[in-house]
PDB file of all heavy atoms in Angstrom:
ATOM      1  N   ALA A   1       0.893  -1.224  -0.010  1.00  0.00           N
ATOM      2  CA  ALA A   1      -0.047   0.016  -0.006  1.00  0.00           C
ATOM      3  C   ALA A   1       0.882   1.260  -0.029  1.00  0.00           C
ATOM      4  O   ALA A   1       0.492   2.325  -0.615  1.00  0.00           O
ATOM      5  CB  ALA A   1      -0.970  -0.002   1.175  1.00  0.00           C
ATOM      6  N   ALA A   2       2.026   1.178   0.622  1.00  0.00           N
ATOM      7  CA  ALA A   2       2.915   2.415   0.675  1.00  0.00           C
ATOM      8  C   ALA A   2       3.710   2.561  -0.595  1.00  0.00           C
ATOM      9  O   ALA A   2       4.439   3.564  -0.737  1.00  0.00           O
ATOM     10  CB  ALA A   2       3.846   2.215   1.882  1.00  0.00           C
ATOM     11  N   SER A   3       3.626   1.567  -1.499  1.00  0.00           N
ATOM     12  CA  SER A   3       4.414   1.708  -2.761  1.00  0.00           C
ATOM     13  C   SER A   3       3.503   2.380  -3.781  1.00  0.00           C
ATOM     14  O   SER A   3       2.337   2.666  -3.574  1.00  0.00           O
ATOM     15  CB  SER A   3       4.742   0.293  -3.298  1.00  0.00           C
ATOM     16  OG  SER A   3       5.445  -0.390  -2.285  1.00  0.00           O
ATOM     17  N   ARG A   4       4.127   2.838  -4.928  1.00  0.00           N
ATOM     18  CA  ARG A   4       3.449   3.600  -5.932  1.00  0.00           C
ATOM     19  C   ARG A   4       3.298   2.806  -7.203  1.00  0.00           C
ATOM     20  O   ARG A   4       3.997   1.771  -7.436  1.00  0.00           O
ATOM     21  CB  ARG A   4       4.260   4.884  -6.245  1.00  0.00           C
ATOM     22  CG  ARG A   4       5.607   4.577  -6.804  1.00  0.00           C
ATOM     23  CD  ARG A   4       6.437   5.905  -7.075  1.00  0.00           C
ATOM     24  NE  ARG A   4       6.572   6.661  -5.916  1.00  0.00           N
ATOM     25  CZ  ARG A   4       7.387   7.697  -5.800  1.00  0.00           C
ATOM     26  NH1 ARG A   4       8.105   8.153  -6.932  1.00  0.00           N
ATOM     27  NH2 ARG A   4       7.525   8.389  -4.748  1.00  0.00           N
ATOM     28  N   PRO A   5       2.361   3.224  -8.115  1.00  0.00           N
ATOM     29  CA  PRO A   5       2.143   2.470  -9.372  1.00  0.00           C
ATOM     30  C   PRO A   5       3.476   2.379 -10.169  1.00  0.00           C
ATOM     31  O   PRO A   5       4.324   3.284 -10.062  1.00  0.00           O
ATOM     32  CB  PRO A   5       1.141   3.373 -10.125  1.00  0.00           C
ATOM     33  CG  PRO A   5       0.321   3.994  -8.974  1.00  0.00           C
ATOM     34  CD  PRO A   5       1.355   4.301  -7.983  1.00  0.00           C
ATOM     35  N   ILE A   6       3.638   1.291 -10.855  1.00  0.00           N
ATOM     36  CA  ILE A   6       4.942   1.054 -11.504  1.00  0.00           C
ATOM     37  C   ILE A   6       5.237   1.840 -12.777  1.00  0.00           C
ATOM     38  O   ILE A   6       6.373   2.053 -13.101  1.00  0.00           O
ATOM     39  CB  ILE A   6       5.097  -0.507 -11.767  1.00  0.00           C
ATOM     40  CG1 ILE A   6       6.526  -0.870 -12.182  1.00  0.00           C
ATOM     41  CG2 ILE A   6       4.067  -0.943 -12.868  1.00  0.00           C
ATOM     42  CD1 ILE A   6       6.716  -2.332 -12.342  1.00  0.00           C
ATOM     43  N   ARG A   7       4.222   2.272 -13.507  1.00  0.00           N
ATOM     44  CA  ARG A   7       4.370   2.966 -14.745  1.00  0.00           C
ATOM     45  C   ARG A   7       5.321   4.166 -14.520  1.00  0.00           C
ATOM     46  O   ARG A   7       5.080   5.017 -13.710  1.00  0.00           O
ATOM     47  CB  ARG A   7       3.052   3.397 -15.297  1.00  0.00           C
ATOM     48  CG  ARG A   7       2.078   2.298 -15.601  1.00  0.00           C
ATOM     49  CD  ARG A   7       2.420   1.546 -16.858  1.00  0.00           C
ATOM     50  NE  ARG A   7       1.413   0.582 -17.196  1.00  0.00           N
ATOM     51  CZ  ARG A   7       1.587  -0.343 -18.116  1.00  0.00           C
ATOM     52  NH1 ARG A   7       2.706  -0.384 -18.892  1.00  0.00           N
ATOM     53  NH2 ARG A   7       0.585  -1.182 -18.475  1.00  0.00           N
ATOM     54  N   GLY A   8       6.286   4.263 -15.413  1.00  0.00           N
ATOM     55  CA  GLY A   8       7.194   5.436 -15.439  1.00  0.00           C
ATOM     56  C   GLY A   8       8.247   5.468 -14.354  1.00  0.00           C
ATOM     57  O   GLY A   8       8.917   6.494 -14.118  1.00  0.00           O
ATOM     58  N   THR A   9       8.448   4.299 -13.589  1.00  0.00           N
ATOM     59  CA  THR A   9       9.357   4.285 -12.519  1.00  0.00           C
ATOM     60  C   THR A   9      10.589   3.566 -12.859  1.00  0.00           C
ATOM     61  O   THR A   9      10.716   2.855 -13.925  1.00  0.00           O
ATOM     62  CB  THR A   9       8.724   3.650 -11.294  1.00  0.00           C
ATOM     63  OG1 THR A   9       8.481   2.285 -11.552  1.00  0.00           O
ATOM     64  CG2 THR A   9       7.373   4.285 -10.909  1.00  0.00           C
ATOM     65  N   LEU A  10      11.516   3.535 -11.960  1.00  0.00           N
ATOM     66  CA  LEU A  10      12.796   2.754 -12.107  1.00  0.00           C
ATOM     67  C   LEU A  10      12.501   1.259 -12.257  1.00  0.00           C
ATOM     68  O   LEU A  10      13.197   0.597 -12.982  1.00  0.00           O
ATOM     69  CB  LEU A  10      13.663   3.016 -10.904  1.00  0.00           C
ATOM     70  CG  LEU A  10      15.086   2.308 -10.908  1.00  0.00           C
ATOM     71  CD1 LEU A  10      16.009   3.043 -11.868  1.00  0.00           C
ATOM     72  CD2 LEU A  10      15.671   2.486  -9.470  1.00  0.00           C
ATOM     73  N   ALA A  11      11.470   0.741 -11.583  1.00  0.00           N
ATOM     74  CA  ALA A  11      11.109  -0.651 -11.711  1.00  0.00           C
ATOM     75  C   ALA A  11      10.677  -0.974 -13.129  1.00  0.00           C
ATOM     76  O   ALA A  11      11.027  -2.095 -13.636  1.00  0.00           O
ATOM     77  CB  ALA A  11       9.986  -0.964 -10.664  1.00  0.00           C
ATOM     78  N   GLU A  12       9.863  -0.091 -13.758  1.00  0.00           N
ATOM     79  CA  GLU A  12       9.540  -0.412 -15.100  1.00  0.00           C
ATOM     80  C   GLU A  12      10.741  -0.408 -16.058  1.00  0.00           C
ATOM     81  O   GLU A  12      10.884  -1.225 -16.936  1.00  0.00           O
ATOM     82  CB  GLU A  12       8.515   0.645 -15.656  1.00  0.00           C
ATOM     83  CG  GLU A  12       8.032   0.346 -17.078  1.00  0.00           C
ATOM     84  CD  GLU A  12       6.988   1.306 -17.616  1.00  0.00           C
ATOM     85  OE1 GLU A  12       6.970   2.478 -17.133  1.00  0.00           O
ATOM     86  OE2 GLU A  12       6.278   0.931 -18.486  1.00  0.00           O
ATOM     87  N   ARG A  13      11.720   0.525 -15.806  1.00  0.00           N
ATOM     88  CA  ARG A  13      12.927   0.587 -16.610  1.00  0.00           C
ATOM     89  C   ARG A  13      13.694  -0.689 -16.398  1.00  0.00           C
ATOM     90  O   ARG A  13      14.325  -1.221 -17.356  1.00  0.00           O
ATOM     91  CB  ARG A  13      13.723   1.785 -16.304  1.00  0.00           C
ATOM     92  CG  ARG A  13      13.073   3.103 -16.649  1.00  0.00           C
ATOM     93  CD  ARG A  13      14.029   4.244 -16.750  1.00  0.00           C
ATOM     94  NE  ARG A  13      14.637   4.599 -15.520  1.00  0.00           N
ATOM     95  CZ  ARG A  13      14.109   5.387 -14.595  1.00  0.00           C
ATOM     96  NH1 ARG A  13      12.894   5.902 -14.801  1.00  0.00           N
ATOM     97  NH2 ARG A  13      14.740   5.667 -13.460  1.00  0.00           N
ATOM     98  N   TYR A  14      13.740  -1.216 -15.198  1.00  0.00           N
ATOM     99  CA  TYR A  14      14.497  -2.508 -14.910  1.00  0.00           C
ATOM    100  C   TYR A  14      13.831  -3.586 -15.759  1.00  0.00           C
ATOM    101  O   TYR A  14      14.533  -4.378 -16.359  1.00  0.00           O
ATOM    102  CB  TYR A  14      14.405  -2.835 -13.484  1.00  0.00           C
ATOM    103  CG  TYR A  14      14.705  -4.273 -13.186  1.00  0.00           C
ATOM    104  CD1 TYR A  14      16.008  -4.775 -13.354  1.00  0.00           C
ATOM    105  CD2 TYR A  14      13.730  -5.169 -12.742  1.00  0.00           C
ATOM    106  CE1 TYR A  14      16.234  -6.097 -13.063  1.00  0.00           C
ATOM    107  CE2 TYR A  14      13.919  -6.492 -12.510  1.00  0.00           C
ATOM    108  CZ  TYR A  14      15.178  -6.932 -12.670  1.00  0.00           C
ATOM    109  OH  TYR A  14      15.475  -8.272 -12.485  1.00  0.00           O
ATOM    110  N   LEU A  15      12.506  -3.720 -15.767  1.00  0.00           N
ATOM    111  CA  LEU A  15      11.872  -4.760 -16.490  1.00  0.00           C
ATOM    112  C   LEU A  15      12.118  -4.618 -17.962  1.00  0.00           C
ATOM    113  O   LEU A  15      12.247  -5.536 -18.737  1.00  0.00           O
ATOM    114  CB  LEU A  15      10.390  -4.835 -16.132  1.00  0.00           C
ATOM    115  CG  LEU A  15      10.038  -5.282 -14.733  1.00  0.00           C
ATOM    116  CD1 LEU A  15       8.578  -5.156 -14.426  1.00  0.00           C
ATOM    117  CD2 LEU A  15      10.596  -6.659 -14.416  1.00  0.00           C
ATOM    118  N   GLN A  16      12.065  -3.291 -18.471  1.00  0.00           N
ATOM    119  CA  GLN A  16      12.304  -3.096 -19.912  1.00  0.00           C
ATOM    120  C   GLN A  16      13.678  -3.558 -20.249  1.00  0.00           C
ATOM    121  O   GLN A  16      13.919  -4.088 -21.406  1.00  0.00           O
ATOM    122  CB  GLN A  16      12.082  -1.600 -20.200  1.00  0.00           C
ATOM    123  CG  GLN A  16      10.664  -1.174 -20.190  1.00  0.00           C
ATOM    124  CD  GLN A  16      10.464   0.357 -20.328  1.00  0.00           C
ATOM    125  OE1 GLN A  16      11.425   1.064 -20.024  1.00  0.00           O
ATOM    126  NE2 GLN A  16       9.309   0.755 -20.672  1.00  0.00           N
ATOM    127  N   SER A  17      14.652  -3.373 -19.399  1.00  0.00           N
ATOM    128  CA  SER A  17      16.010  -3.852 -19.594  1.00  0.00           C
ATOM    129  C   SER A  17      16.095  -5.423 -19.781  1.00  0.00           C
ATOM    130  O   SER A  17      16.996  -5.917 -20.343  1.00  0.00           O
ATOM    131  CB  SER A  17      16.940  -3.354 -18.554  1.00  0.00           C
ATOM    132  OG  SER A  17      16.831  -4.143 -17.364  1.00  0.00           O
ATOM    133  N   ARG A  18      15.084  -6.032 -19.245  1.00  0.00           N
ATOM    134  CA  ARG A  18      14.972  -7.518 -19.339  1.00  0.00           C
ATOM    135  C   ARG A  18      14.174  -7.902 -20.531  1.00  0.00           C
ATOM    136  O   ARG A  18      13.831  -9.086 -20.695  1.00  0.00           O
ATOM    137  CB  ARG A  18      14.358  -8.076 -18.045  1.00  0.00           C
ATOM    138  CG  ARG A  18      15.053  -7.733 -16.725  1.00  0.00           C
ATOM    139  CD  ARG A  18      16.422  -8.285 -16.708  1.00  0.00           C
ATOM    140  NE  ARG A  18      16.453  -9.798 -16.951  1.00  0.00           N
ATOM    141  CZ  ARG A  18      17.561 -10.450 -17.147  1.00  0.00           C
ATOM    142  NH1 ARG A  18      18.711  -9.863 -17.230  1.00  0.00           N
ATOM    143  NH2 ARG A  18      17.460 -11.788 -17.351  1.00  0.00           N
ATOM    144  N   GLY A  19      13.863  -6.963 -21.465  1.00  0.00           N
ATOM    145  CA  GLY A  19      13.084  -7.248 -22.615  1.00  0.00           C
ATOM    146  C   GLY A  19      11.569  -7.440 -22.392  1.00  0.00           C
ATOM    147  O   GLY A  19      10.788  -7.774 -23.278  1.00  0.00           O
ATOM    148  N   ILE A  20      11.096  -7.021 -21.184  1.00  0.00           N
ATOM    149  CA  ILE A  20       9.734  -7.282 -20.768  1.00  0.00           C
ATOM    150  C   ILE A  20       8.845  -6.053 -21.148  1.00  0.00           C
ATOM    151  O   ILE A  20       9.197  -4.917 -20.849  1.00  0.00           O
ATOM    152  CB  ILE A  20       9.633  -7.597 -19.274  1.00  0.00           C
ATOM    153  CG1 ILE A  20      10.294  -8.948 -18.995  1.00  0.00           C
ATOM    154  CG2 ILE A  20       8.219  -7.516 -18.716  1.00  0.00           C
ATOM    155  CD1 ILE A  20      10.604  -9.242 -17.550  1.00  0.00           C
ATOM    156  N   ILE A  21       7.713  -6.319 -21.664  1.00  0.00           N
ATOM    157  CA  ILE A  21       6.675  -5.318 -21.941  1.00  0.00           C
ATOM    158  C   ILE A  21       5.564  -5.547 -20.860  1.00  0.00           C
ATOM    159  O   ILE A  21       5.032  -6.584 -20.801  1.00  0.00           O
ATOM    160  CB  ILE A  21       6.119  -5.420 -23.361  1.00  0.00           C
ATOM    161  CG1 ILE A  21       7.231  -5.211 -24.407  1.00  0.00           C
ATOM    162  CG2 ILE A  21       4.971  -4.434 -23.546  1.00  0.00           C
ATOM    163  CD1 ILE A  21       6.740  -5.458 -25.817  1.00  0.00           C
ATOM    164  N   LEU A  22       5.364  -4.480 -20.116  1.00  0.00           N
ATOM    165  CA  LEU A  22       4.344  -4.661 -19.017  1.00  0.00           C
ATOM    166  C   LEU A  22       2.955  -5.004 -19.634  1.00  0.00           C
ATOM    167  O   LEU A  22       2.563  -4.379 -20.610  1.00  0.00           O
ATOM    168  CB  LEU A  22       4.257  -3.431 -18.115  1.00  0.00           C
ATOM    169  CG  LEU A  22       5.460  -3.157 -17.227  1.00  0.00           C
ATOM    170  CD1 LEU A  22       5.247  -1.870 -16.449  1.00  0.00           C
ATOM    171  CD2 LEU A  22       5.671  -4.362 -16.270  1.00  0.00           C
ATOM    172  N   PRO A  23       2.248  -5.915 -18.992  1.00  0.00           N
ATOM    173  CA  PRO A  23       0.873  -6.190 -19.504  1.00  0.00           C
ATOM    174  C   PRO A  23      -0.053  -5.004 -19.170  1.00  0.00           C
ATOM    175  O   PRO A  23       0.319  -4.097 -18.438  1.00  0.00           O
ATOM    176  CB  PRO A  23       0.402  -7.404 -18.639  1.00  0.00           C
ATOM    177  CG  PRO A  23       1.346  -7.384 -17.502  1.00  0.00           C
ATOM    178  CD  PRO A  23       2.594  -6.725 -17.827  1.00  0.00           C
ATOM    179  N   ALA A  24      -1.242  -5.027 -19.770  1.00  0.00           N
ATOM    180  CA  ALA A  24      -2.191  -3.907 -19.596  1.00  0.00           C
ATOM    181  C   ALA A  24      -2.479  -3.748 -18.107  1.00  0.00           C
ATOM    182  O   ALA A  24      -2.612  -2.650 -17.630  1.00  0.00           O
ATOM    183  CB  ALA A  24      -3.456  -4.190 -20.396  1.00  0.00           C
TER     184      ALA A  24
END
């Protein structure tokens, strides 16, 4: 609950570096 949505964050960039496209 204390975390924030992943879109546009460092976590999304990490997954993109793994070739991952986030699902809808």
